[in-house]
Amino acid sequence: MNGETEVAKRGRDRARLRSPEPRFPVRKWVQPGTGSAVYCCLLLLIWIWVWFGLVWFYKEISH
C-alpha cells in the first residue's frame, strides 16, 4: 500500500509540474530572462492605451 501511494504521489507531482505549461504559451516564444520583462511592459502599454482610450471616449460622449 505504501509503495503505491508513493508512486501516486510522484505521478501527481509530475502532472502538477506539467499542467501549468499550456496556460502560458507565451513562454515558448519569449526568452525566460528579458522576455518576461518585455511582455510585462507590453501589457502595461496596452493598459495605458486602453485607459487613455476610455477617458477620451468618455470625454467625447459627455460633450
N, C-alpha and C. Protein backbone atom coordinates (compact mmCIF):
# COMPACT_ATOMS: atom_id res chain seq x y z
N MET A 1 0.83 -1.21 0.00
CA MET A 1 0.00 0.00 0.00
C MET A 1 0.86 1.26 0.00
N ASN A 2 1.88 1.24 0.87
CA ASN A 2 2.72 2.42 0.99
C ASN A 2 3.45 2.73 -0.32
N GLY A 3 3.94 1.68 -1.00
CA GLY A 3 4.63 1.86 -2.28
C GLY A 3 3.72 2.45 -3.33
N GLU A 4 2.48 2.02 -3.35
CA GLU A 4 1.51 2.53 -4.33
C GLU A 4 1.25 4.03 -4.14
N THR A 5 1.07 4.42 -2.88
CA THR A 5 0.82 5.84 -2.61
C THR A 5 2.03 6.69 -2.99
N GLU A 6 3.21 6.14 -2.80
CA GLU A 6 4.44 6.86 -3.15
C GLU A 6 4.50 7.09 -4.66
N VAL A 7 4.16 6.04 -5.41
CA VAL A 7 4.14 6.16 -6.88
C VAL A 7 3.06 7.15 -7.31
N ALA A 8 1.90 7.08 -6.66
CA ALA A 8 0.81 8.00 -6.98
C ALA A 8 1.23 9.44 -6.70
N LYS A 9 1.93 9.65 -5.58
CA LYS A 9 2.41 10.98 -5.23
C LYS A 9 3.37 11.49 -6.29
N ARG A 10 4.28 10.61 -6.72
CA ARG A 10 5.26 11.02 -7.74
C ARG A 10 4.55 11.39 -9.04
N GLY A 11 3.55 10.58 -9.41
CA GLY A 11 2.79 10.86 -10.63
C GLY A 11 2.05 12.19 -10.53
N ARG A 12 1.48 12.46 -9.36
CA ARG A 12 0.76 13.71 -9.15
C ARG A 12 1.70 14.91 -9.24
N ASP A 13 2.90 14.75 -8.65
CA ASP A 13 3.89 15.84 -8.70
C ASP A 13 4.31 16.13 -10.14
N ARG A 14 4.50 15.05 -10.91
CA ARG A 14 4.88 15.22 -12.32
C ARG A 14 3.77 15.93 -13.09
N ALA A 15 2.53 15.50 -12.83
CA ALA A 15 1.38 16.12 -13.50
C ALA A 15 1.27 17.59 -13.11
N ARG A 16 1.54 17.89 -11.84
CA ARG A 16 1.47 19.27 -11.37
C ARG A 16 2.54 20.13 -12.05
N LEU A 17 3.71 19.55 -12.26
CA LEU A 17 4.78 20.29 -12.93
C LEU A 17 4.44 20.51 -14.40
N ARG A 18 3.76 19.54 -15.01
CA ARG A 18 3.43 19.63 -16.43
C ARG A 18 2.24 20.56 -16.69
N SER A 19 1.25 20.56 -15.79
CA SER A 19 -0.01 21.25 -16.07
C SER A 19 0.08 22.77 -16.28
N PRO A 20 0.91 23.53 -15.54
CA PRO A 20 0.90 24.99 -15.76
C PRO A 20 1.41 25.43 -17.14
N GLU A 21 2.17 24.59 -17.82
CA GLU A 21 2.78 24.98 -19.11
C GLU A 21 1.78 25.47 -20.17
N PRO A 22 0.73 24.70 -20.50
CA PRO A 22 -0.16 25.12 -21.58
C PRO A 22 -0.91 26.43 -21.30
N ARG A 23 -1.05 26.79 -20.03
CA ARG A 23 -1.76 28.02 -19.69
C ARG A 23 -0.99 29.26 -20.16
N PHE A 24 0.33 29.15 -20.24
CA PHE A 24 1.15 30.29 -20.66
C PHE A 24 1.95 29.93 -21.91
N PRO A 25 1.29 29.91 -23.08
CA PRO A 25 2.01 29.55 -24.32
C PRO A 25 3.01 30.63 -24.74
N VAL A 26 2.90 31.81 -24.12
CA VAL A 26 3.79 32.92 -24.46
C VAL A 26 5.24 32.55 -24.19
N ARG A 27 5.46 31.75 -23.13
CA ARG A 27 6.82 31.41 -22.73
C ARG A 27 7.58 30.62 -23.80
N LYS A 28 6.85 30.00 -24.72
CA LYS A 28 7.51 29.23 -25.78
C LYS A 28 8.28 30.13 -26.74
N TRP A 29 7.72 31.32 -27.04
CA TRP A 29 8.42 32.22 -27.98
C TRP A 29 9.06 33.43 -27.30
N VAL A 30 8.94 33.52 -25.97
CA VAL A 30 9.60 34.60 -25.23
C VAL A 30 10.73 34.01 -24.40
N GLN A 31 11.90 34.64 -24.44
CA GLN A 31 13.04 34.15 -23.68
C GLN A 31 12.79 34.34 -22.18
N PRO A 32 13.26 33.39 -21.36
CA PRO A 32 12.95 33.40 -19.93
C PRO A 32 13.41 34.66 -19.18
N GLY A 33 14.58 35.21 -19.52
CA GLY A 33 15.13 36.32 -18.75
C GLY A 33 14.48 37.66 -19.05
N THR A 34 14.83 38.26 -20.20
CA THR A 34 14.36 39.59 -20.55
C THR A 34 12.96 39.53 -21.18
N GLY A 35 12.59 38.37 -21.72
CA GLY A 35 11.30 38.23 -22.40
C GLY A 35 10.13 38.56 -21.51
N SER A 36 10.16 38.07 -20.27
CA SER A 36 9.05 38.31 -19.34
C SER A 36 8.92 39.80 -19.04
N ALA A 37 10.05 40.49 -18.92
CA ALA A 37 10.03 41.94 -18.67
C ALA A 37 9.42 42.67 -19.86
N VAL A 38 9.80 42.26 -21.07
CA VAL A 38 9.25 42.86 -22.29
C VAL A 38 7.75 42.63 -22.36
N TYR A 39 7.33 41.40 -22.01
CA TYR A 39 5.91 41.04 -22.03
C TYR A 39 5.13 41.90 -21.03
N CYS A 40 5.71 42.10 -19.83
CA CYS A 40 5.08 42.94 -18.81
C CYS A 40 4.96 44.38 -19.30
N CYS A 41 6.00 44.88 -19.95
CA CYS A 41 5.98 46.24 -20.49
C CYS A 41 4.90 46.38 -21.56
N LEU A 42 4.77 45.36 -22.41
CA LEU A 42 3.75 45.39 -23.45
C LEU A 42 2.36 45.42 -22.83
N LEU A 43 2.15 44.59 -21.80
CA LEU A 43 0.86 44.58 -21.11
C LEU A 43 0.57 45.95 -20.49
N LEU A 44 1.60 46.55 -19.89
CA LEU A 44 1.45 47.86 -19.26
C LEU A 44 1.07 48.91 -20.31
N LEU A 45 1.78 48.87 -21.46
CA LEU A 45 1.48 49.82 -22.53
C LEU A 45 0.06 49.64 -23.04
N ILE A 46 -0.38 48.40 -23.19
CA ILE A 46 -1.75 48.12 -23.64
C ILE A 46 -2.75 48.69 -22.64
N TRP A 47 -2.48 48.48 -21.34
CA TRP A 47 -3.38 49.00 -20.30
C TRP A 47 -3.47 50.52 -20.36
N ILE A 48 -2.29 51.18 -20.55
CA ILE A 48 -2.27 52.64 -20.64
C ILE A 48 -3.08 53.11 -21.84
N TRP A 49 -2.90 52.46 -23.00
CA TRP A 49 -3.64 52.82 -24.21
C TRP A 49 -5.13 52.66 -24.00
N VAL A 50 -5.52 51.54 -23.36
CA VAL A 50 -6.94 51.28 -23.09
C VAL A 50 -7.50 52.36 -22.17
N TRP A 51 -6.73 52.69 -21.13
CA TRP A 51 -7.17 53.70 -20.17
C TRP A 51 -7.36 55.06 -20.85
N PHE A 52 -6.37 55.49 -21.63
CA PHE A 52 -6.48 56.77 -22.35
C PHE A 52 -7.65 56.75 -23.33
N GLY A 53 -7.82 55.61 -24.00
CA GLY A 53 -8.93 55.47 -24.94
C GLY A 53 -10.27 55.63 -24.25
N LEU A 54 -10.42 55.00 -23.09
CA LEU A 54 -11.67 55.10 -22.33
C LEU A 54 -11.93 56.53 -21.86
N VAL A 55 -10.88 57.18 -21.36
CA VAL A 55 -11.01 58.57 -20.90
C VAL A 55 -11.42 59.48 -22.06
N TRP A 56 -10.76 59.33 -23.21
CA TRP A 56 -11.07 60.14 -24.39
C TRP A 56 -12.50 59.89 -24.86
N PHE A 57 -12.89 58.62 -24.90
CA PHE A 57 -14.23 58.22 -25.31
C PHE A 57 -15.28 58.84 -24.39
N TYR A 58 -15.01 58.78 -23.09
CA TYR A 58 -15.94 59.34 -22.09
C TYR A 58 -16.08 60.85 -22.28
N LYS A 59 -14.96 61.53 -22.54
CA LYS A 59 -14.98 62.99 -22.77
C LYS A 59 -15.77 63.32 -24.03
N GLU A 60 -15.59 62.53 -25.08
CA GLU A 60 -16.30 62.76 -26.34
C GLU A 60 -17.81 62.61 -26.15
N ILE A 61 -18.22 61.62 -25.37
CA ILE A 61 -19.65 61.39 -25.13
C ILE A 61 -20.24 62.51 -24.27
N SER A 62 -19.51 62.93 -23.25
CA SER A 62 -20.05 63.91 -22.30
C SER A 62 -20.23 65.31 -22.92
N HIS A 63 -19.45 65.62 -23.96
CA HIS A 63 -19.55 66.97 -24.56
C HIS A 63 -20.76 67.11 -25.47
